[in-house]
PDB file of all heavy atoms in Angstrom:
ATOM      1  N   SER A   1     -99.668 119.033  37.497  1.00  0.00           N
ATOM      2  CA  SER A   1    -100.466 120.086  36.781  1.00  0.00           C
ATOM      3  C   SER A   1     -99.705 120.512  35.480  1.00  0.00           C
ATOM      4  O   SER A   1    -100.264 120.868  34.484  1.00  0.00           O
ATOM      5  CB  SER A   1    -100.698 121.240  37.689  1.00  0.00           C
ATOM      6  OG  SER A   1     -99.512 122.004  37.838  1.00  0.00           O
ATOM      7  N   GLU A   2     -98.343 120.684  35.555  1.00  0.00           N
ATOM      8  CA  GLU A   2     -97.527 121.095  34.510  1.00  0.00           C
ATOM      9  C   GLU A   2     -97.603 119.908  33.330  1.00  0.00           C
ATOM     10  O   GLU A   2     -97.667 120.183  32.224  1.00  0.00           O
ATOM     11  CB  GLU A   2     -96.122 121.299  34.876  1.00  0.00           C
ATOM     12  CG  GLU A   2     -95.917 122.546  35.810  1.00  0.00           C
ATOM     13  CD  GLU A   2     -96.371 123.818  34.964  1.00  0.00           C
ATOM     14  OE1 GLU A   2     -95.584 124.275  34.075  1.00  0.00           O
ATOM     15  OE2 GLU A   2     -97.387 124.483  35.334  1.00  0.00           O
ATOM     16  N   VAL A   3     -97.479 118.641  33.730  1.00  0.00           N
ATOM     17  CA  VAL A   3     -97.519 117.558  32.876  1.00  0.00           C
ATOM     18  C   VAL A   3     -98.749 117.554  32.138  1.00  0.00           C
ATOM     19  O   VAL A   3     -98.915 117.331  30.928  1.00  0.00           O
ATOM     20  CB  VAL A   3     -97.192 116.308  33.641  1.00  0.00           C
ATOM     21  CG1 VAL A   3     -97.421 114.995  32.616  1.00  0.00           C
ATOM     22  CG2 VAL A   3     -95.822 116.222  34.088  1.00  0.00           C
ATOM     23  N   ILE A   4     -99.983 117.741  32.823  1.00  0.00           N
ATOM     24  CA  ILE A   4    -101.334 117.728  32.221  1.00  0.00           C
ATOM     25  C   ILE A   4    -101.484 118.840  31.256  1.00  0.00           C
ATOM     26  O   ILE A   4    -102.005 118.631  30.223  1.00  0.00           O
ATOM     27  CB  ILE A   4    -102.350 117.738  33.312  1.00  0.00           C
ATOM     28  CG1 ILE A   4    -102.330 116.395  34.101  1.00  0.00           C
ATOM     29  CG2 ILE A   4    -103.778 118.040  32.777  1.00  0.00           C
ATOM     30  CD1 ILE A   4    -103.366 116.304  35.294  1.00  0.00           C
ATOM     31  N   LYS A   5    -100.928 120.070  31.637  1.00  0.00           N
ATOM     32  CA  LYS A   5    -101.078 121.068  30.609  1.00  0.00           C
ATOM     33  C   LYS A   5    -100.294 120.788  29.310  1.00  0.00           C
ATOM     34  O   LYS A   5    -100.876 121.117  28.352  1.00  0.00           O
ATOM     35  CB  LYS A   5    -100.368 122.342  31.225  1.00  0.00           C
ATOM     36  CG  LYS A   5    -101.124 123.044  32.339  1.00  0.00           C
ATOM     37  CD  LYS A   5    -100.355 124.194  32.961  1.00  0.00           C
ATOM     38  CE  LYS A   5    -101.028 124.747  34.193  1.00  0.00           C
ATOM     39  NZ  LYS A   5    -100.193 125.861  34.785  1.00  0.00           N
ATOM     40  N   LYS A   6     -99.199 120.152  29.432  1.00  0.00           N
ATOM     41  CA  LYS A   6     -98.502 119.768  28.192  1.00  0.00           C
ATOM     42  C   LYS A   6     -99.089 118.662  27.409  1.00  0.00           C
ATOM     43  O   LYS A   6     -99.111 118.651  26.190  1.00  0.00           O
ATOM     44  CB  LYS A   6     -97.060 119.434  28.572  1.00  0.00           C
ATOM     45  CG  LYS A   6     -96.297 120.670  29.138  1.00  0.00           C
ATOM     46  CD  LYS A   6     -94.912 120.456  29.356  1.00  0.00           C
ATOM     47  CE  LYS A   6     -94.204 121.628  29.971  1.00  0.00           C
ATOM     48  NZ  LYS A   6     -94.223 122.822  29.041  1.00  0.00           N
ATOM     49  N   MET A   7     -99.820 117.764  28.104  1.00  0.00           N
ATOM     50  CA  MET A   7    -100.530 116.743  27.601  1.00  0.00           C
ATOM     51  C   MET A   7    -101.747 117.222  26.748  1.00  0.00           C
ATOM     52  O   MET A   7    -101.947 116.909  25.579  1.00  0.00           O
ATOM     53  CB  MET A   7    -101.091 115.652  28.593  1.00  0.00           C
ATOM     54  CG  MET A   7     -99.834 114.825  29.204  1.00  0.00           C
ATOM     55  SD  MET A   7    -100.454 113.731  30.493  1.00  0.00           S
ATOM     56  CE  MET A   7    -101.501 112.489  29.656  1.00  0.00           C
ATOM     57  N   LEU A   8    -102.472 118.143  27.395  1.00  0.00           N
ATOM     58  CA  LEU A   8    -103.628 118.709  26.735  1.00  0.00           C
ATOM     59  C   LEU A   8    -103.230 119.548  25.582  1.00  0.00           C
ATOM     60  O   LEU A   8    -103.987 119.582  24.510  1.00  0.00           O
ATOM     61  CB  LEU A   8    -104.438 119.594  27.751  1.00  0.00           C
ATOM     62  CG  LEU A   8    -105.046 118.888  28.931  1.00  0.00           C
ATOM     63  CD1 LEU A   8    -105.672 119.770  29.938  1.00  0.00           C
ATOM     64  CD2 LEU A   8    -106.051 117.844  28.470  1.00  0.00           C
ATOM     65  N   ALA A   9    -102.112 120.195  25.568  1.00  0.00           N
ATOM     66  CA  ALA A   9    -101.556 120.943  24.452  1.00  0.00           C
ATOM     67  C   ALA A   9    -101.286 120.162  23.322  1.00  0.00           C
ATOM     68  O   ALA A   9    -101.455 120.678  22.122  1.00  0.00           O
ATOM     69  CB  ALA A   9    -100.342 121.854  24.924  1.00  0.00           C
ATOM     70  N   ARG A  10    -101.040 118.850  23.534  1.00  0.00           N
ATOM     71  CA  ARG A  10    -100.925 117.952  22.412  1.00  0.00           C
ATOM     72  C   ARG A  10    -102.014 117.047  22.192  1.00  0.00           C
ATOM     73  O   ARG A  10    -101.884 116.115  21.549  1.00  0.00           O
ATOM     74  CB  ARG A  10     -99.499 117.078  22.730  1.00  0.00           C
ATOM     75  CG  ARG A  10     -98.316 117.889  22.803  1.00  0.00           C
ATOM     76  CD  ARG A  10     -97.071 117.031  22.913  1.00  0.00           C
ATOM     77  NE  ARG A  10     -95.914 118.026  22.864  1.00  0.00           N
ATOM     78  CZ  ARG A  10     -94.673 117.582  22.912  1.00  0.00           C
ATOM     79  NH1 ARG A  10     -94.338 116.320  22.893  1.00  0.00           N
ATOM     80  NH2 ARG A  10     -93.564 118.507  22.930  1.00  0.00           N
ATOM     81  N   LYS A  11    -103.108 117.491  22.720  1.00  0.00           N
ATOM     82  CA  LYS A  11    -104.460 116.799  22.538  1.00  0.00           C
ATOM     83  C   LYS A  11    -104.475 115.400  22.917  1.00  0.00           C
ATOM     84  O   LYS A  11    -104.922 114.484  22.345  1.00  0.00           O
ATOM     85  CB  LYS A  11    -104.922 116.940  21.014  1.00  0.00           C
ATOM     86  CG  LYS A  11    -104.996 118.343  20.669  1.00  0.00           C
ATOM     87  CD  LYS A  11    -105.664 118.533  19.259  1.00  0.00           C
ATOM     88  CE  LYS A  11    -105.709 119.924  18.760  1.00  0.00           C
ATOM     89  NZ  LYS A  11    -106.220 120.901  19.665  1.00  0.00           N
ATOM     90  N   ILE A  12    -103.674 115.173  24.069  1.00  0.00           N
ATOM     91  CA  ILE A  12    -103.654 113.799  24.663  1.00  0.00           C
ATOM     92  C   ILE A  12    -104.645 113.858  25.797  1.00  0.00           C
ATOM     93  O   ILE A  12    -104.616 114.578  26.786  1.00  0.00           O
ATOM     94  CB  ILE A  12    -102.200 113.421  25.232  1.00  0.00           C
ATOM     95  CG1 ILE A  12    -101.206 113.488  24.171  1.00  0.00           C
ATOM     96  CG2 ILE A  12    -102.289 112.187  25.905  1.00  0.00           C
ATOM     97  CD1 ILE A  12     -99.791 113.355  24.657  1.00  0.00           C
ATOM     98  N   HIS A  13    -105.692 113.017  25.744  1.00  0.00           N
ATOM     99  CA  HIS A  13    -106.638 112.854  26.964  1.00  0.00           C
ATOM    100  C   HIS A  13    -106.049 112.381  28.076  1.00  0.00           C
ATOM    101  O   HIS A  13    -105.332 111.256  28.100  1.00  0.00           O
ATOM    102  CB  HIS A  13    -107.801 111.935  26.381  1.00  0.00           C
ATOM    103  CG  HIS A  13    -108.566 112.521  25.251  1.00  0.00           C
ATOM    104  ND1 HIS A  13    -109.483 113.649  25.493  1.00  0.00           N
ATOM    105  CD2 HIS A  13    -108.636 112.239  24.029  1.00  0.00           C
ATOM    106  CE1 HIS A  13    -109.937 113.858  24.345  1.00  0.00           C
ATOM    107  NE2 HIS A  13    -109.686 113.149  23.402  1.00  0.00           N
ATOM    108  N   VAL A  14    -106.231 113.021  29.251  1.00  0.00           N
ATOM    109  CA  VAL A  14    -105.544 112.545  30.488  1.00  0.00           C
ATOM    110  C   VAL A  14    -106.269 111.321  31.141  1.00  0.00           C
ATOM    111  O   VAL A  14    -105.718 110.473  31.530  1.00  0.00           O
ATOM    112  CB  VAL A  14    -105.610 113.779  31.421  1.00  0.00           C
ATOM    113  CG1 VAL A  14    -105.022 113.293  32.915  1.00  0.00           C
ATOM    114  CG2 VAL A  14    -104.902 114.985  30.909  1.00  0.00           C
ATOM    115  N   SER A  15    -107.600 111.417  31.056  1.00  0.00           N
ATOM    116  CA  SER A  15    -108.412 110.334  31.472  1.00  0.00           C
ATOM    117  C   SER A  15    -108.191 109.110  30.520  1.00  0.00           C
ATOM    118  O   SER A  15    -108.339 109.110  29.315  1.00  0.00           O
ATOM    119  CB  SER A  15    -109.830 110.697  31.462  1.00  0.00           C
ATOM    120  OG  SER A  15    -110.630 109.637  31.975  1.00  0.00           O
ATOM    121  N   GLY A  16    -107.689 107.992  31.171  1.00  0.00           N
ATOM    122  CA  GLY A  16    -107.363 106.879  30.331  1.00  0.00           C
ATOM    123  C   GLY A  16    -106.056 106.900  29.803  1.00  0.00           C
ATOM    124  O   GLY A  16    -105.583 105.796  29.268  1.00  0.00           O
ATOM    125  N   ALA A  17    -105.126 107.951  30.058  1.00  0.00           N
ATOM    126  CA  ALA A  17    -103.822 107.963  29.540  1.00  0.00           C
ATOM    127  C   ALA A  17    -102.938 107.003  30.241  1.00  0.00           C
ATOM    128  O   ALA A  17    -103.150 106.665  31.424  1.00  0.00           O
ATOM    129  CB  ALA A  17    -103.380 109.365  29.557  1.00  0.00           C
ATOM    130  N   GLN A  18    -101.975 106.516  29.537  1.00  0.00           N
ATOM    131  CA  GLN A  18    -100.934 105.668  30.124  1.00  0.00           C
ATOM    132  C   GLN A  18     -99.685 106.511  30.458  1.00  0.00           C
ATOM    133  O   GLN A  18     -99.066 107.191  29.633  1.00  0.00           O
ATOM    134  CB  GLN A  18    -100.455 104.564  29.159  1.00  0.00           C
ATOM    135  CG  GLN A  18    -101.609 103.655  28.685  1.00  0.00           C
ATOM    136  CD  GLN A  18    -102.305 102.872  29.781  1.00  0.00           C
ATOM    137  OE1 GLN A  18    -101.572 102.394  30.775  1.00  0.00           O
ATOM    138  NE2 GLN A  18    -103.554 102.630  29.721  1.00  0.00           N
ATOM    139  N   VAL A  19     -99.349 106.591  31.830  1.00  0.00           N
ATOM    140  CA  VAL A  19     -98.319 107.526  32.286  1.00  0.00           C
ATOM    141  C   VAL A  19     -97.316 106.596  32.967  1.00  0.00           C
ATOM    142  O   VAL A  19     -97.652 105.853  33.846  1.00  0.00           O
ATOM    143  CB  VAL A  19     -98.892 108.604  33.247  1.00  0.00           C
ATOM    144  CG1 VAL A  19     -97.730 109.459  33.700  1.00  0.00           C
ATOM    145  CG2 VAL A  19     -99.900 109.420  32.568  1.00  0.00           C
ATOM    146  N   LEU A  20     -96.020 106.782  32.646  1.00  0.00           N
ATOM    147  CA  LEU A  20     -94.991 106.156  33.301  1.00  0.00           C
ATOM    148  C   LEU A  20     -94.233 107.063  34.130  1.00  0.00           C
ATOM    149  O   LEU A  20     -93.731 108.248  33.639  1.00  0.00           O
ATOM    150  CB  LEU A  20     -94.043 105.578  32.210  1.00  0.00           C
ATOM    151  CG  LEU A  20     -92.676 104.959  32.784  1.00  0.00           C
ATOM    152  CD1 LEU A  20     -93.021 103.664  33.645  1.00  0.00           C
ATOM    153  CD2 LEU A  20     -91.755 104.640  31.617  1.00  0.00           C
ATOM    154  N   ILE A  21     -94.049 106.704  35.478  1.00  0.00           N
ATOM    155  CA  ILE A  21     -93.116 107.537  36.434  1.00  0.00           C
ATOM    156  C   ILE A  21     -91.842 106.671  36.545  1.00  0.00           C
ATOM    157  O   ILE A  21     -91.826 105.500  37.059  1.00  0.00           O
ATOM    158  CB  ILE A  21     -93.778 107.709  37.735  1.00  0.00           C
ATOM    159  CG1 ILE A  21     -95.025 108.646  37.428  1.00  0.00           C
ATOM    160  CG2 ILE A  21     -92.847 108.486  38.694  1.00  0.00           C
ATOM    161  CD1 ILE A  21     -95.881 109.043  38.730  1.00  0.00           C
ATOM    162  N   LEU A  22     -90.771 107.384  36.281  1.00  0.00           N
ATOM    163  CA  LEU A  22     -89.346 106.730  36.422  1.00  0.00           C
ATOM    164  C   LEU A  22     -88.838 107.025  37.857  1.00  0.00           C
ATOM    165  O   LEU A  22     -88.400 108.207  37.894  1.00  0.00           O
ATOM    166  CB  LEU A  22     -88.528 107.002  35.348  1.00  0.00           C
ATOM    167  CG  LEU A  22     -88.898 106.482  33.961  1.00  0.00           C
ATOM    168  CD1 LEU A  22     -87.931 106.982  32.852  1.00  0.00           C
ATOM    169  CD2 LEU A  22     -88.821 104.922  33.889  1.00  0.00           C
ATOM    170  N   GLY A  23     -88.822 106.097  38.702  1.00  0.00           N
ATOM    171  CA  GLY A  23     -88.227 106.324  40.030  1.00  0.00           C
ATOM    172  C   GLY A  23     -89.466 106.395  41.031  1.00  0.00           C
ATOM    173  O   GLY A  23     -90.498 106.999  40.928  1.00  0.00           O
ATOM    174  N   PHE A  24     -88.973 105.709  42.261  1.00  0.00           N
ATOM    175  CA  PHE A  24     -90.061 105.794  43.454  1.00  0.00           C
ATOM    176  C   PHE A  24     -89.325 106.106  44.626  1.00  0.00           C
ATOM    177  O   PHE A  24     -90.004 106.502  45.645  1.00  0.00           O
ATOM    178  CB  PHE A  24     -90.852 104.428  43.512  1.00  0.00           C
ATOM    179  CG  PHE A  24     -91.965 104.494  44.421  1.00  0.00           C
ATOM    180  CD1 PHE A  24     -93.168 105.252  43.991  1.00  0.00           C
ATOM    181  CD2 PHE A  24     -91.919 103.838  45.561  1.00  0.00           C
ATOM    182  CE1 PHE A  24     -94.188 105.196  44.864  1.00  0.00           C
ATOM    183  CE2 PHE A  24     -93.031 103.782  46.410  1.00  0.00           C
ATOM    184  CZ  PHE A  24     -94.118 104.593  46.057  1.00  0.00           C
ATOM    185  N   THR A  25     -88.056 105.960  44.790  1.00  0.00           N
ATOM    186  CA  THR A  25     -87.358 106.357  45.891  1.00  0.00           C
ATOM    187  C   THR A  25     -87.359 107.794  46.217  1.00  0.00           C
ATOM    188  O   THR A  25     -87.624 108.723  45.367  1.00  0.00           O
ATOM    189  CB  THR A  25     -85.912 105.792  45.961  1.00  0.00           C
ATOM    190  OG1 THR A  25     -85.151 106.450  44.879  1.00  0.00           O
ATOM    191  CG2 THR A  25     -85.841 104.293  45.686  1.00  0.00           C
ATOM    192  N   PHE A  26     -86.912 108.243  47.382  1.00  0.00           N
ATOM    193  CA  PHE A  26     -86.998 109.625  47.704  1.00  0.00           C
ATOM    194  C   PHE A  26     -85.869 110.406  47.331  1.00  0.00           C
ATOM    195  O   PHE A  26     -85.660 111.585  47.307  1.00  0.00           O
ATOM    196  CB  PHE A  26     -87.172 109.837  49.267  1.00  0.00           C
ATOM    197  CG  PHE A  26     -85.900 109.870  50.160  1.00  0.00           C
ATOM    198  CD1 PHE A  26     -85.143 111.017  50.357  1.00  0.00           C
ATOM    199  CD2 PHE A  26     -85.500 108.658  50.763  1.00  0.00           C
ATOM    200  CE1 PHE A  26     -83.973 110.908  51.105  1.00  0.00           C
ATOM    201  CE2 PHE A  26     -84.388 108.639  51.411  1.00  0.00           C
ATOM    202  CZ  PHE A  26     -83.611 109.759  51.715  1.00  0.00           C
ATOM    203  N   LYS A  27     -84.735 109.658  46.868  1.00  0.00           N
ATOM    204  CA  LYS A  27     -83.479 110.270  46.319  1.00  0.00           C
ATOM    205  C   LYS A  27     -82.808 109.225  45.412  1.00  0.00           C
ATOM    206  O   LYS A  27     -83.121 108.060  45.230  1.00  0.00           O
ATOM    207  CB  LYS A  27     -82.432 110.484  47.506  1.00  0.00           C
ATOM    208  CG  LYS A  27     -81.991 109.293  48.230  1.00  0.00           C
ATOM    209  CD  LYS A  27     -81.140 109.664  49.377  1.00  0.00           C
ATOM    210  CE  LYS A  27     -79.821 110.300  48.852  1.00  0.00           C
ATOM    211  NZ  LYS A  27     -78.890 110.509  49.962  1.00  0.00           N
ATOM    212  N   GLU A  28     -81.873 109.818  44.635  1.00  0.00           N
ATOM    213  CA  GLU A  28     -81.184 108.949  43.576  1.00  0.00           C
ATOM    214  C   GLU A  28     -80.252 107.941  44.082  1.00  0.00           C
ATOM    215  O   GLU A  28     -79.651 108.075  45.167  1.00  0.00           O
ATOM    216  CB  GLU A  28     -80.460 109.876  42.656  1.00  0.00           C
ATOM    217  CG  GLU A  28     -79.278 110.689  43.180  1.00  0.00           C
ATOM    218  CD  GLU A  28     -79.777 112.029  43.796  1.00  0.00           C
ATOM    219  OE1 GLU A  28     -80.992 112.220  44.055  1.00  0.00           O
ATOM    220  OE2 GLU A  28     -78.883 112.770  44.134  1.00  0.00           O
ATOM    221  N   ASP A  29     -80.116 106.818  43.357  1.00  0.00           N
ATOM    222  CA  ASP A  29     -79.179 105.737  43.620  1.00  0.00           C
ATOM    223  C   ASP A  29     -79.214 105.255  44.932  1.00  0.00           C
ATOM    224  O   ASP A  29     -78.313 104.902  45.569  1.00  0.00           O
ATOM    225  CB  ASP A  29     -77.784 106.154  43.248  1.00  0.00           C
ATOM    226  CG  ASP A  29     -77.581 106.584  41.824  1.00  0.00           C
ATOM    227  OD1 ASP A  29     -78.314 106.014  40.871  1.00  0.00           O
ATOM    228  OD2 ASP A  29     -76.953 107.629  41.521  1.00  0.00           O
ATOM    229  N   CYS A  30     -80.464 105.063  45.564  1.00  0.00           N
ATOM    230  CA  CYS A  30     -80.713 104.581  46.873  1.00  0.00           C
ATOM    231  C   CYS A  30     -82.071 103.868  46.978  1.00  0.00           C
ATOM    232  O   CYS A  30     -83.011 104.413  46.399  1.00  0.00           O
ATOM    233  CB  CYS A  30     -80.693 105.830  47.894  1.00  0.00           C
ATOM    234  SG  CYS A  30     -81.193 105.419  49.544  1.00  0.00           S
ATOM    235  N   PRO A  31     -82.107 102.791  47.628  1.00  0.00           N
ATOM    236  CA  PRO A  31     -83.416 101.926  47.667  1.00  0.00           C
ATOM    237  C   PRO A  31     -84.461 102.456  48.600  1.00  0.00           C
ATOM    238  O   PRO A  31     -85.567 101.962  48.766  1.00  0.00           O
ATOM    239  CB  PRO A  31     -82.955 100.597  47.992  1.00  0.00           C
ATOM    240  CG  PRO A  31     -81.651 100.863  48.843  1.00  0.00           C
ATOM    241  CD  PRO A  31     -81.141 102.027  48.334  1.00  0.00           C
ATOM    242  N   ASP A  32     -84.111 103.523  49.332  1.00  0.00           N
ATOM    243  CA  ASP A  32     -84.948 104.023  50.346  1.00  0.00           C
ATOM    244  C   ASP A  32     -86.204 104.808  49.833  1.00  0.00           C
ATOM    245  O   ASP A  32     -86.032 105.841  49.135  1.00  0.00           O
ATOM    246  CB  ASP A  32     -84.089 104.956  51.283  1.00  0.00           C
ATOM    247  CG  ASP A  32     -84.800 105.315  52.594  1.00  0.00           C
ATOM    248  OD1 ASP A  32     -86.045 105.010  52.755  1.00  0.00           O
ATOM    249  OD2 ASP A  32     -84.265 105.914  53.452  1.00  0.00           O
ATOM    250  N   PHE A  33     -87.377 104.309  50.073  1.00  0.00           N
ATOM    251  CA  PHE A  33     -88.602 105.031  49.687  1.00  0.00           C
ATOM    252  C   PHE A  33     -89.410 105.596  50.706  1.00  0.00           C
ATOM    253  O   PHE A  33     -90.574 105.960  50.697  1.00  0.00           O
ATOM    254  CB  PHE A  33     -89.437 104.133  48.744  1.00  0.00           C
ATOM    255  CG  PHE A  33     -89.861 102.743  49.345  1.00  0.00           C
ATOM    256  CD1 PHE A  33     -90.929 102.735  50.224  1.00  0.00           C
ATOM    257  CD2 PHE A  33     -89.113 101.659  49.079  1.00  0.00           C
ATOM    258  CE1 PHE A  33     -91.190 101.480  50.754  1.00  0.00           C
ATOM    259  CE2 PHE A  33     -89.473 100.342  49.684  1.00  0.00           C
ATOM    260  CZ  PHE A  33     -90.555 100.344  50.512  1.00  0.00           C
ATOM    261  N   ARG A  34     -88.819 105.663  51.950  1.00  0.00           N
ATOM    262  CA  ARG A  34     -89.580 106.231  53.121  1.00  0.00           C
ATOM    263  C   ARG A  34     -89.995 107.638  52.861  1.00  0.00           C
ATOM    264  O   ARG A  34     -89.203 108.469  52.391  1.00  0.00           O
ATOM    265  CB  ARG A  34     -88.716 106.137  54.450  1.00  0.00           C
ATOM    266  CG  ARG A  34     -88.485 104.822  54.968  1.00  0.00           C
ATOM    267  CD  ARG A  34     -87.436 104.765  56.126  1.00  0.00           C
ATOM    268  NE  ARG A  34     -86.252 105.360  55.715  1.00  0.00           N
ATOM    269  CZ  ARG A  34     -85.216 105.539  56.578  1.00  0.00           C
ATOM    270  NH1 ARG A  34     -85.365 105.476  57.782  1.00  0.00           N
ATOM    271  NH2 ARG A  34     -83.979 105.889  56.065  1.00  0.00           N
ATOM    272  N   ASN A  35     -91.347 107.899  53.098  1.00  0.00           N
ATOM    273  CA  ASN A  35     -91.777 109.178  52.760  1.00  0.00           C
ATOM    274  C   ASN A  35     -91.505 109.755  51.392  1.00  0.00           C
ATOM    275  O   ASN A  35     -91.375 110.935  51.253  1.00  0.00           O
ATOM    276  CB  ASN A  35     -91.354 110.238  53.795  1.00  0.00           C
ATOM    277  CG  ASN A  35     -92.126 111.565  53.949  1.00  0.00           C
ATOM    278  OD1 ASN A  35     -93.270 111.546  53.793  1.00  0.00           O
ATOM    279  ND2 ASN A  35     -91.474 112.677  54.159  1.00  0.00           N
ATOM    280  N   THR A  36     -91.520 108.921  50.434  1.00  0.00           N
ATOM    281  CA  THR A  36     -91.297 109.398  49.159  1.00  0.00           C
ATOM    282  C   THR A  36     -92.486 110.216  48.683  1.00  0.00           C
ATOM    283  O   THR A  36     -93.572 109.940  48.831  1.00  0.00           O
ATOM    284  CB  THR A  36     -91.172 108.117  48.032  1.00  0.00           C
ATOM    285  OG1 THR A  36     -91.020 108.711  46.745  1.00  0.00           O
ATOM    286  CG2 THR A  36     -92.268 107.195  48.216  1.00  0.00           C
ATOM    287  N   ARG A  37     -92.131 111.371  47.999  1.00  0.00           N
ATOM    288  CA  ARG A  37     -93.181 112.228  47.566  1.00  0.00           C
ATOM    289  C   ARG A  37     -93.573 111.892  46.114  1.00  0.00           C
ATOM    290  O   ARG A  37     -94.464 112.566  45.561  1.00  0.00           O
ATOM    291  CB  ARG A  37     -92.794 113.702  47.585  1.00  0.00           C
ATOM    292  CG  ARG A  37     -92.530 114.248  48.993  1.00  0.00           C
ATOM    293  CD  ARG A  37     -93.241 113.870  50.211  1.00  0.00           C
ATOM    294  NE  ARG A  37     -94.714 113.459  49.938  1.00  0.00           N
ATOM    295  CZ  ARG A  37     -95.297 112.528  50.762  1.00  0.00           C
ATOM    296  NH1 ARG A  37     -94.712 111.911  51.702  1.00  0.00           N
ATOM    297  NH2 ARG A  37     -96.600 112.429  50.506  1.00  0.00           N
ATOM    298  N   VAL A  38     -92.964 110.902  45.496  1.00  0.00           N
ATOM    299  CA  VAL A  38     -93.441 110.399  44.224  1.00  0.00           C
ATOM    300  C   VAL A  38     -94.891 109.877  44.337  1.00  0.00           C
ATOM    301  O   VAL A  38     -95.624 109.999  43.358  1.00  0.00           O
ATOM    302  CB  VAL A  38     -92.465 109.254  43.710  1.00  0.00           C
ATOM    303  CG1 VAL A  38     -93.078 108.676  42.385  1.00  0.00           C
ATOM    304  CG2 VAL A  38     -91.068 109.931  43.509  1.00  0.00           C
ATOM    305  N   ILE A  39     -95.285 109.417  45.447  1.00  0.00           N
ATOM    306  CA  ILE A  39     -96.626 108.900  45.656  1.00  0.00           C
ATOM    307  C   ILE A  39     -97.527 109.927  45.533  1.00  0.00           C
ATOM    308  O   ILE A  39     -98.734 109.757  45.007  1.00  0.00           O
ATOM    309  CB  ILE A  39     -96.696 108.248  47.081  1.00  0.00           C
ATOM    310  CG1 ILE A  39     -98.086 107.512  47.265  1.00  0.00           C
ATOM    311  CG2 ILE A  39     -96.563 109.359  48.151  1.00  0.00           C
ATOM    312  CD1 ILE A  39     -98.191 106.392  46.275  1.00  0.00           C
ATOM    313  N   ASP A  40     -97.247 111.156  45.816  1.00  0.00           N
ATOM    314  CA  ASP A  40     -98.164 112.396  45.507  1.00  0.00           C
ATOM    315  C   ASP A  40     -98.439 112.553  43.970  1.00  0.00           C
ATOM    316  O   ASP A  40     -99.636 112.850  43.794  1.00  0.00           O
ATOM    317  CB  ASP A  40     -97.553 113.764  46.070  1.00  0.00           C
ATOM    318  CG  ASP A  40     -97.315 113.735  47.429  1.00  0.00           C
ATOM    319  OD1 ASP A  40     -97.904 112.842  48.280  1.00  0.00           O
ATOM    320  OD2 ASP A  40     -96.449 114.470  47.972  1.00  0.00           O
ATOM    321  N   MET A  41     -97.546 112.297  43.176  1.00  0.00           N
ATOM    322  CA  MET A  41     -97.784 112.307  41.719  1.00  0.00           C
ATOM    323  C   MET A  41     -98.625 111.075  41.350  1.00  0.00           C
ATOM    324  O   MET A  41     -99.582 111.339  40.477  1.00  0.00           O
ATOM    325  CB  MET A  41     -96.431 112.388  40.953  1.00  0.00           C
ATOM    326  CG  MET A  41     -95.616 113.627  41.221  1.00  0.00           C
ATOM    327  SD  MET A  41     -94.271 113.889  40.076  1.00  0.00           S
ATOM    328  CE  MET A  41     -93.316 112.294  40.425  1.00  0.00           C
ATOM    329  N   VAL A  42     -98.397 110.031  41.834  1.00  0.00           N
ATOM    330  CA  VAL A  42     -99.216 108.842  41.430  1.00  0.00           C
ATOM    331  C   VAL A  42    -100.579 109.039  41.827  1.00  0.00           C
ATOM    332  O   VAL A  42    -101.511 108.839  41.053  1.00  0.00           O
ATOM    333  CB  VAL A  42     -98.715 107.522  42.234  1.00  0.00           C
ATOM    334  CG1 VAL A  42     -99.588 106.313  41.886  1.00  0.00           C
ATOM    335  CG2 VAL A  42     -97.224 107.284  41.695  1.00  0.00           C
ATOM    336  N   LEU A  43    -100.817 109.523  43.128  1.00  0.00           N
ATOM    337  CA  LEU A  43    -102.291 109.784  43.475  1.00  0.00           C
ATOM    338  C   LEU A  43    -102.998 110.915  42.737  1.00  0.00           C
ATOM    339  O   LEU A  43    -104.124 110.784  42.379  1.00  0.00           O
ATOM    340  CB  LEU A  43    -102.220 110.085  45.010  1.00  0.00           C
ATOM    341  CG  LEU A  43    -101.868 108.943  45.917  1.00  0.00           C
ATOM    342  CD1 LEU A  43    -101.678 109.424  47.365  1.00  0.00           C
ATOM    343  CD2 LEU A  43    -102.690 107.642  45.834  1.00  0.00           C
ATOM    344  N   GLU A  44    -102.266 111.909  42.379  1.00  0.00           N
ATOM    345  CA  GLU A  44    -102.810 112.897  41.553  1.00  0.00           C
ATOM    346  C   GLU A  44    -103.263 112.565  40.246  1.00  0.00           C
ATOM    347  O   GLU A  44    -104.282 112.872  39.739  1.00  0.00           O
ATOM    348  CB  GLU A  44    -101.878 114.172  41.514  1.00  0.00           C
ATOM    349  CG  GLU A  44    -102.343 115.482  41.039  1.00  0.00           C
ATOM    350  CD  GLU A  44    -103.267 116.165  41.903  1.00  0.00           C
ATOM    351  OE1 GLU A  44    -103.617 115.668  43.151  1.00  0.00           O
ATOM    352  OE2 GLU A  44    -103.865 117.259  41.578  1.00  0.00           O
TER     353      GLU A  44
END
């Protein structure tokens, strides 16, 4: 919701926008992605 607010403030259309998420694991410097909450951002 915060990212979208800032995109709209810069007149960037959210629908069709290209968004990059850096990182998918649940913690830094670890390959473990069990129950990662990054997926919540992807789905939203």
